[in-house]
Amino acid sequence: MQIDEIRLLGLGGSNKLMAGEVSRLVRRAFDQQLSREIISSAPRKLGPGGLSFPYRPELAEVITEYHRTGARALWALASLRSTRLEPLYDELLEDLMQDQRPWQEQDFRFSVLAFHTDATEAGERQVVGVVKNALLAAATQKGRNWQLDPERPDVVFQIRGEKSEEDPRLVFSVDLAGRALHERGYRIWSGDAPLREDRAAQLVMLSR
């Protein structure tokens, strides 16, 4: 099933800090009318360390460039129910073939990462293999040139499990920053006890 969300992931208990920072960044980046449109409603909570916002390219750019209290920024593209490999391949391929969003109009090199795939009847490497194969098959059918290149990817895809015993799902996403947010400009220099940027930013904001 196709979805269209920005998912901001962070440490447990960080939702209030992450949401507050998004609100401040949006108000600074855009005029009053656009700011109200983007943050017109509270984000949906994804457990104690995750928020979901309706996808907007302007918001994605601001979060990717400037957000400091979050750990990952994802563009969630599809929610998948299948927990076995062959049905997972078929379901993802069908979603990819139906997806007409602009990201599919480009040729790119890509890699795939998997997280929290305990609900599937296979290991993370097998799940990654299924996602790679579905992307390559979709590229062939669409006449696109999507190349697997784990060392130099233009796009990093993620397949990530949602923790729900009643309705386990895998969410297929684009990693908007291509890496963890704290790795932007990673450790050009460091002190005696360096902290990850998201943890340091949260401590600063909590200290007021």
Foldseek 3Di string as FASTA:
>chain_A
DWDWKKKFFADFQCQVVQQVVLLVLLPVPDPPVVSCVQPVDGFDDQHRTMTIGGDDVVSLVSCLPPRFQTWFIWGWTDKAQDQELPVRLVVVLVSLLPDPDPVVVAEWEEAEFEEASVSHPDDRVSNRVSVVVSVVVSCVVVVGHYHYDVVDTPWYWYWYWRDDPVGIITIIIIGSNRHTSLPVVNPPDDDPDDDRRSVVVVVVVVVD
